[in-house]
Amino acid sequence: MSNKSNLKWKLREITLVAVLSIALGVIWWGWTFIYNFFDPFLKPFGLNYLVVGFWFIGGTLLPYIIRKPGAAIFAESLGGLVEGFITQWGITALLWGAVQGAFAEAIFALFSYKKYGTGVMILAGVSSAIGSYLLDFIYSKYFTLGINIIVVQIFSIIVSGAILGGLLAKMIGDGLKKTGVLNQFMIVQDIKDEVSTGSER
């Protein structure tokens, strides 16, 4: 993105983020069943966090597509709100979504909303994971747990955030880009700009 005008939201971008965030909220409801299935087997070892990264994808996939300030917070918050109405998490899903989105947003802001490579996407997923765990740590009183469990939890959520929250989001975005359905969005426009200036790597 070469100038400030590229950071302004367009109506089609607002619409896309809103529609996909609502869809993600429903998909996350489905993911809850997967989480609940593995939770009894993994939680005693602190490994249940290996499957939570998919809940961070709203804060990485949507920003990857439209590349605008606020996309991560908007997408995660709206998706969390929708999920909260249809899952056992209730309104707390909105809080977690807002925090996860804010921590992902911080990474994109750090790079001035100009870089969305694999490394940045993974960092955003990891950052979202850290924010989510900090909230869990307080809400669920993890300070009462043994240090070994806490270490495993942190390792697990970072891995999950990197793979499911970051890498998977990029793969999905790249897959959608190839279909042509995202031709009106910055995920494609940025590449065209790079090609025209000879700066594509």
Protein backbone atom coordinates (compact mmCIF):
# COMPACT_ATOMS: atom_id res chain seq x y z
CA MET A 1 0.00 0.00 0.00
CA SER A 2 1.60 3.22 -1.12
CA ASN A 3 -0.53 5.95 0.46
CA LYS A 4 -2.99 6.72 3.22
CA SER A 5 -5.98 6.49 0.89
CA ASN A 6 -5.37 2.75 0.62
CA LEU A 7 -6.03 2.47 4.36
CA LYS A 8 -9.57 3.82 4.11
CA TRP A 9 -12.37 1.28 4.23
CA LYS A 10 -14.67 0.80 1.24
CA LEU A 11 -18.26 -0.36 1.50
CA ARG A 12 -17.49 -3.67 -0.18
CA GLU A 13 -14.75 -4.31 2.39
CA ILE A 14 -17.05 -3.59 5.32
CA THR A 15 -19.65 -5.88 3.77
CA LEU A 16 -17.15 -8.68 3.18
CA VAL A 17 -15.76 -8.55 6.70
CA ALA A 18 -19.25 -8.46 8.22
CA VAL A 19 -20.53 -11.39 6.16
CA LEU A 20 -17.45 -13.56 6.64
CA SER A 21 -17.23 -12.73 10.35
CA ILE A 22 -20.82 -13.84 10.86
CA ALA A 23 -20.08 -17.01 8.89
CA LEU A 24 -16.99 -17.61 11.05
CA GLY A 25 -19.11 -17.22 14.17
CA VAL A 26 -21.26 -20.11 12.97
CA ILE A 27 -18.23 -22.16 11.91
CA TRP A 28 -16.67 -21.58 15.33
CA TRP A 29 -19.82 -23.02 16.84
CA GLY A 30 -19.09 -26.18 14.86
CA TRP A 31 -15.47 -26.07 16.02
CA THR A 32 -16.72 -26.09 19.60
CA PHE A 33 -17.82 -29.71 19.09
CA ILE A 34 -14.31 -30.64 17.96
CA TYR A 35 -12.80 -28.85 20.94
CA ASN A 36 -15.22 -30.51 23.37
CA PHE A 37 -14.41 -33.93 21.92
CA PHE A 38 -10.64 -33.60 22.47
CA ASP A 39 -10.78 -31.53 25.66
CA PRO A 40 -11.22 -34.40 28.18
CA PHE A 41 -8.23 -36.25 26.72
CA LEU A 42 -5.88 -33.26 26.31
CA LYS A 43 -6.77 -30.84 29.12
CA PRO A 44 -5.18 -32.83 31.98
CA PHE A 45 -1.84 -32.44 30.20
CA GLY A 46 -2.37 -28.82 29.13
CA LEU A 47 -2.53 -29.89 25.49
CA ASN A 48 -6.12 -28.79 24.85
CA TYR A 49 -4.71 -25.52 23.55
CA LEU A 50 -3.40 -27.31 20.48
CA VAL A 51 -6.85 -27.01 18.89
CA VAL A 52 -7.84 -23.46 19.89
CA GLY A 53 -5.91 -21.64 17.16
CA PHE A 54 -8.81 -21.90 14.74
CA TRP A 55 -10.66 -19.37 16.90
CA PHE A 56 -7.98 -16.77 16.04
CA ILE A 57 -8.48 -16.99 12.30
CA GLY A 58 -10.93 -14.09 12.11
CA GLY A 59 -8.18 -11.76 13.26
CA THR A 60 -5.77 -12.98 10.60
CA LEU A 61 -7.72 -14.10 7.51
CA LEU A 62 -9.87 -10.99 7.11
CA PRO A 63 -6.97 -8.56 7.58
CA TYR A 64 -4.98 -10.63 5.07
CA ILE A 65 -7.74 -10.13 2.51
CA ILE A 66 -8.59 -6.44 2.91
CA ARG A 67 -5.42 -5.09 4.59
CA LYS A 68 -7.03 -2.22 6.47
CA PRO A 69 -6.66 -0.91 10.05
CA GLY A 70 -9.20 -2.37 12.46
CA ALA A 71 -10.01 -5.45 10.38
CA ALA A 72 -8.66 -7.89 12.97
CA ILE A 73 -10.60 -6.38 15.87
CA PHE A 74 -13.76 -5.97 13.79
CA ALA A 75 -13.73 -9.53 12.46
CA GLU A 76 -12.85 -11.29 15.71
CA SER A 77 -15.31 -9.23 17.76
CA LEU A 78 -18.24 -9.72 15.40
CA GLY A 79 -17.48 -13.40 14.95
CA GLY A 80 -17.19 -13.81 18.72
CA LEU A 81 -20.50 -12.03 19.25
CA VAL A 82 -22.28 -14.36 16.83
CA GLU A 83 -20.61 -17.41 18.36
CA GLY A 84 -21.61 -16.26 21.83
CA PHE A 85 -25.29 -16.47 20.95
CA ILE A 86 -25.08 -20.10 19.83
CA THR A 87 -22.47 -21.69 22.11
CA GLN A 88 -21.95 -22.27 25.80
CA TRP A 89 -19.41 -19.44 25.90
CA GLY A 90 -22.10 -16.75 25.94
CA ILE A 91 -21.09 -13.10 25.97
CA THR A 92 -17.56 -14.00 27.05
CA ALA A 93 -16.94 -15.03 23.43
CA LEU A 94 -17.17 -11.35 22.48
CA LEU A 95 -14.55 -10.41 25.07
CA TRP A 96 -12.17 -13.14 23.96
CA GLY A 97 -12.76 -12.22 20.32
CA ALA A 98 -11.98 -8.55 20.96
CA VAL A 99 -8.76 -9.39 22.82
CA GLN A 100 -7.64 -11.94 20.22
CA GLY A 101 -8.37 -9.44 17.46
CA ALA A 102 -6.56 -6.61 19.26
CA PHE A 103 -3.40 -8.65 19.74
CA ALA A 104 -3.40 -9.70 16.07
CA GLU A 105 -4.12 -6.11 15.07
CA ALA A 106 -1.01 -4.98 16.94
CA ILE A 107 1.20 -7.05 14.63
CA PHE A 108 -0.34 -5.67 11.44
CA ALA A 109 -0.08 -2.14 12.87
CA LEU A 110 3.57 -2.80 13.76
CA PHE A 111 4.23 -3.31 10.05
CA SER A 112 2.07 -0.28 9.14
CA TYR A 113 -0.47 -2.55 7.39
CA LYS A 114 2.02 -3.05 4.56
CA LYS A 115 3.38 -6.56 5.13
CA TYR A 116 1.29 -9.73 5.08
CA GLY A 117 3.82 -12.45 4.30
CA THR A 118 3.91 -15.85 5.94
CA GLY A 119 6.10 -14.65 8.80
CA VAL A 120 3.83 -11.73 9.63
CA MET A 121 0.73 -13.92 9.48
CA ILE A 122 2.32 -16.43 11.86
CA LEU A 123 3.33 -13.61 14.21
CA ALA A 124 -0.24 -12.31 14.18
CA GLY A 125 -1.54 -15.78 15.03
CA VAL A 126 0.98 -16.12 17.86
CA SER A 127 0.18 -12.65 19.19
CA SER A 128 -3.53 -13.50 19.19
CA ALA A 129 -2.70 -16.69 21.08
CA ILE A 130 -0.76 -14.77 23.72
CA GLY A 131 -3.62 -12.33 24.25
CA SER A 132 -6.11 -15.16 24.52
CA TYR A 133 -3.97 -17.07 27.02
CA LEU A 134 -3.44 -14.02 29.21
CA LEU A 135 -7.21 -13.66 29.44
CA ASP A 136 -7.60 -17.38 30.16
CA PHE A 137 -4.86 -17.20 32.77
CA ILE A 138 -6.79 -14.58 34.74
CA TYR A 139 -10.33 -15.82 34.09
CA SER A 140 -9.59 -19.49 34.77
CA LYS A 141 -7.09 -18.78 37.60
CA TYR A 142 -4.28 -20.72 35.97
CA PHE A 143 -1.91 -19.28 38.57
CA THR A 144 -3.17 -22.11 40.79
CA LEU A 145 -1.79 -24.72 38.39
CA GLY A 146 1.64 -26.31 38.44
CA ILE A 147 4.35 -24.56 36.42
CA ASN A 148 4.76 -27.64 34.21
CA ILE A 149 1.13 -27.47 33.06
CA ILE A 150 1.39 -23.72 32.45
CA VAL A 151 4.48 -24.18 30.30
CA VAL A 152 2.76 -26.87 28.23
CA GLN A 153 -0.32 -24.67 27.83
CA ILE A 154 1.74 -21.72 26.63
CA PHE A 155 3.72 -23.88 24.21
CA SER A 156 0.53 -25.50 22.90
CA ILE A 157 -1.38 -22.26 22.31
CA ILE A 158 1.60 -20.63 20.58
CA VAL A 159 1.95 -23.60 18.23
CA SER A 160 -1.79 -23.62 17.57
CA GLY A 161 -1.85 -19.87 17.00
CA ALA A 162 1.04 -20.06 14.56
CA ILE A 163 -0.37 -22.97 12.54
CA LEU A 164 -4.17 -22.66 12.77
CA GLY A 165 -4.38 -18.93 13.40
CA GLY A 166 -1.59 -17.75 11.10
CA LEU A 167 -0.45 -20.27 8.50
CA LEU A 168 -3.89 -21.75 7.85
CA ALA A 169 -5.38 -18.27 7.42
CA LYS A 170 -2.78 -17.45 4.77
CA MET A 171 -3.40 -20.73 2.97
CA ILE A 172 -7.15 -20.11 2.93
CA GLY A 173 -6.66 -16.55 1.70
CA ASP A 174 -4.28 -17.67 -1.04
CA GLY A 175 -6.70 -20.40 -2.07
CA LEU A 176 -9.59 -17.94 -2.34
CA LYS A 177 -7.38 -15.52 -4.25
CA LYS A 178 -6.74 -18.12 -6.95
CA THR A 179 -10.48 -18.49 -7.56
CA GLY A 180 -10.81 -14.84 -8.55
CA VAL A 181 -13.51 -14.03 -5.96
CA LEU A 182 -11.17 -11.59 -4.21
CA ASN A 183 -10.12 -9.58 -7.26
CA GLN A 184 -11.69 -6.41 -5.84
CA PHE A 185 -9.71 -6.58 -2.60
CA MET A 186 -6.22 -5.59 -1.52
CA ILE A 187 -4.99 -9.16 -1.27
CA VAL A 188 -4.97 -9.10 -5.08
CA GLN A 189 -4.41 -5.38 -5.64
CA ASP A 190 -1.18 -5.37 -3.63
CA ILE A 191 0.25 -8.09 -5.85
CA LYS A 192 -0.70 -6.14 -8.98
CA ASP A 193 1.08 -3.08 -7.58
CA GLU A 194 4.20 -5.13 -6.84
CA VAL A 195 4.25 -6.54 -10.36
CA SER A 196 3.79 -3.12 -11.96
CA THR A 197 6.68 -1.65 -9.95
CA GLY A 198 8.89 -4.69 -10.38
CA SER A 199 9.09 -5.28 -6.64
CA GLU A 200 7.50 -8.71 -6.46
CA ARG A 201 9.65 -11.34 -4.80
